Amino acid sequence: MTIGKGKRPRDPNQLAKWIVDQSVGEAREPEPHTPLTVPAPPTTISQYMAEIGRKGGKIGGKRRLKTMTKEARRKVAAKAARARWKKR
C-alpha cells in the first residue's frame, strides 16, 4: 500500500520522518538530492605535481622569452636542436 505521492527517501532518518509526517498529515514532497560538484582530487602525487607544473608552464615560457636576450635565446635553440638530432 502506497501512502502519498512521489518517491520515498532512502535515508533511514528521512524515511522515518516521512512516515511520521504521512501519518500525521503534514506530508511534503521530499527534496531532491543534489550532489555537490567538487572536482576529484588527483589520485597520485605525480598527477598533482604535473597539474602544478602545467599551471606555471603557461606563464613561464612567455615571461622567459621577454627576459632573455637574443644571444641567450639563440644558445637555447641551438642546444635544443642538438638534442633533437642526437636522438636519431
C-alpha atoms as a PDB file:
ATOM      1  CA  MET A   1       0.000   0.000   0.000  1.00  0.00           C
ATOM      2  CA  THR A   2       1.445   3.373  -1.032  1.00  0.00           C
ATOM      3  CA  ILE A   3       0.893   6.488   1.040  1.00  0.00           C
ATOM      4  CA  GLY A   4       1.205   9.847  -0.703  1.00  0.00           C
ATOM      5  CA  LYS A   5       2.832  10.699  -3.997  1.00  0.00           C
ATOM      6  CA  GLY A   6       6.453  10.647  -5.047  1.00  0.00           C
ATOM      7  CA  LYS A   7       9.389   8.523  -4.080  1.00  0.00           C
ATOM      8  CA  ARG A   8      10.178   7.618  -0.517  1.00  0.00           C
ATOM      9  CA  PRO A   9      13.505   8.839   0.889  1.00  0.00           C
ATOM     10  CA  ARG A  10      16.288   6.256   1.022  1.00  0.00           C
ATOM     11  CA  ASP A  11      17.978   7.627   4.134  1.00  0.00           C
ATOM     12  CA  PRO A  12      16.541   5.823   7.201  1.00  0.00           C
ATOM     13  CA  ASN A  13      16.209   9.041   9.230  1.00  0.00           C
ATOM     14  CA  GLN A  14      14.474  10.899   6.425  1.00  0.00           C
ATOM     15  CA  LEU A  15      12.254   7.877   5.794  1.00  0.00           C
ATOM     16  CA  ALA A  16      11.215   7.771   9.458  1.00  0.00           C
ATOM     17  CA  LYS A  17      10.325  11.470   9.388  1.00  0.00           C
ATOM     18  CA  TRP A  18       8.429  10.986   6.124  1.00  0.00           C
ATOM     19  CA  ILE A  19       6.400   8.141   7.629  1.00  0.00           C
ATOM     20  CA  VAL A  20       5.527  10.223  10.709  1.00  0.00           C
ATOM     21  CA  ASP A  21       4.581  13.195   8.528  1.00  0.00           C
ATOM     22  CA  GLN A  22       2.394  10.951   6.377  1.00  0.00           C
ATOM     23  CA  SER A  23       0.603   9.508   9.401  1.00  0.00           C
ATOM     24  CA  VAL A  24       0.011  12.933  10.979  1.00  0.00           C
ATOM     25  CA  GLY A  25      -0.994  14.550   7.698  1.00  0.00           C
ATOM     26  CA  GLU A  26       1.886  17.024   7.385  1.00  0.00           C
ATOM     27  CA  ALA A  27       3.338  15.409   4.306  1.00  0.00           C
ATOM     28  CA  ARG A  28       5.556  17.395   1.941  1.00  0.00           C
ATOM     29  CA  GLU A  29       7.384  16.393  -1.183  1.00  0.00           C
ATOM     30  CA  PRO A  30      10.856  15.077  -0.337  1.00  0.00           C
ATOM     31  CA  GLU A  31      13.537  17.478  -1.505  1.00  0.00           C
ATOM     32  CA  PRO A  32      15.579  16.084  -4.392  1.00  0.00           C
ATOM     33  CA  HIS A  33      19.130  15.230  -3.504  1.00  0.00           C
ATOM     34  CA  THR A  34      21.613  17.363  -5.444  1.00  0.00           C
ATOM     35  CA  PRO A  35      25.183  16.124  -5.217  1.00  0.00           C
ATOM     36  CA  LEU A  36      27.959  18.650  -4.784  1.00  0.00           C
ATOM     37  CA  THR A  37      30.053  19.294  -7.865  1.00  0.00           C
ATOM     38  CA  VAL A  38      33.527  19.090  -6.378  1.00  0.00           C
ATOM     39  CA  PRO A  39      36.330  18.204  -8.777  1.00  0.00           C
ATOM     40  CA  ALA A  40      38.020  14.939  -7.980  1.00  0.00           C
ATOM     41  CA  PRO A  41      41.450  15.387  -6.398  1.00  0.00           C
ATOM     42  CA  PRO A  42      44.439  13.904  -8.200  1.00  0.00           C
ATOM     43  CA  THR A  43      44.930  10.276  -7.252  1.00  0.00           C
ATOM     44  CA  THR A  44      48.715  10.359  -7.133  1.00  0.00           C
ATOM     45  CA  ILE A  45      51.341  12.878  -6.175  1.00  0.00           C
ATOM     46  CA  SER A  46      52.767  12.790  -9.706  1.00  0.00           C
ATOM     47  CA  GLN A  47      49.417  13.871 -11.180  1.00  0.00           C
ATOM     48  CA  TYR A  48      49.259  16.715  -8.657  1.00  0.00           C
ATOM     49  CA  MET A  49      52.767  17.868  -9.497  1.00  0.00           C
ATOM     50  CA  ALA A  50      52.001  17.667 -13.221  1.00  0.00           C
ATOM     51  CA  GLU A  51      48.994  19.951 -12.769  1.00  0.00           C
ATOM     52  CA  ILE A  52      51.040  22.446 -10.778  1.00  0.00           C
ATOM     53  CA  GLY A  53      53.814  22.350 -13.395  1.00  0.00           C
ATOM     54  CA  ARG A  54      51.367  22.967 -16.223  1.00  0.00           C
ATOM     55  CA  LYS A  55      49.952  25.956 -14.393  1.00  0.00           C
ATOM     56  CA  GLY A  56      53.375  27.573 -14.045  1.00  0.00           C
ATOM     57  CA  GLY A  57      54.451  26.496 -17.523  1.00  0.00           C
ATOM     58  CA  LYS A  58      51.728  28.528 -19.172  1.00  0.00           C
ATOM     59  CA  ILE A  59      53.244  31.698 -17.738  1.00  0.00           C
ATOM     60  CA  GLY A  60      56.900  30.673 -17.614  1.00  0.00           C
ATOM     61  CA  GLY A  61      57.652  30.466 -21.322  1.00  0.00           C
ATOM     62  CA  LYS A  62      56.234  33.895 -22.146  1.00  0.00           C
ATOM     63  CA  ARG A  63      57.980  35.565 -19.239  1.00  0.00           C
ATOM     64  CA  ARG A  64      61.252  33.799 -20.052  1.00  0.00           C
ATOM     65  CA  LEU A  65      61.029  34.979 -23.660  1.00  0.00           C
ATOM     66  CA  LYS A  66      60.687  38.592 -22.545  1.00  0.00           C
ATOM     67  CA  THR A  67      63.631  38.442 -20.138  1.00  0.00           C
ATOM     68  CA  MET A  68      66.122  36.520 -22.310  1.00  0.00           C
ATOM     69  CA  THR A  69      68.482  38.307 -24.645  1.00  0.00           C
ATOM     70  CA  LYS A  70      68.675  37.426 -28.316  1.00  0.00           C
ATOM     71  CA  GLU A  71      72.004  35.661 -27.737  1.00  0.00           C
ATOM     72  CA  ALA A  72      70.599  33.581 -24.865  1.00  0.00           C
ATOM     73  CA  ARG A  73      67.596  32.519 -26.984  1.00  0.00           C
ATOM     74  CA  ARG A  74      69.980  31.501 -29.790  1.00  0.00           C
ATOM     75  CA  LYS A  75      72.028  29.341 -27.400  1.00  0.00           C
ATOM     76  CA  VAL A  76      68.926  27.612 -26.018  1.00  0.00           C
ATOM     77  CA  ALA A  77      67.613  26.955 -29.536  1.00  0.00           C
ATOM     78  CA  ALA A  78      70.962  25.514 -30.657  1.00  0.00           C
ATOM     79  CA  LYS A  79      71.100  23.242 -27.609  1.00  0.00           C
ATOM     80  CA  ALA A  80      67.537  22.017 -28.308  1.00  0.00           C
ATOM     81  CA  ALA A  81      68.397  21.327 -31.960  1.00  0.00           C
ATOM     82  CA  ARG A  82      71.474  19.315 -30.950  1.00  0.00           C
ATOM     83  CA  ALA A  83      69.359  17.276 -28.520  1.00  0.00           C
ATOM     84  CA  ARG A  84      66.753  16.551 -31.236  1.00  0.00           C
ATOM     85  CA  TRP A  85      69.344  15.460 -33.785  1.00  0.00           C
ATOM     86  CA  LYS A  86      71.221  13.382 -31.217  1.00  0.00           C
ATOM     87  CA  LYS A  87      68.154  11.147 -30.707  1.00  0.00           C
ATOM     88  CA  ARG A  88      68.278   9.874 -34.293  1.00  0.00           C
END
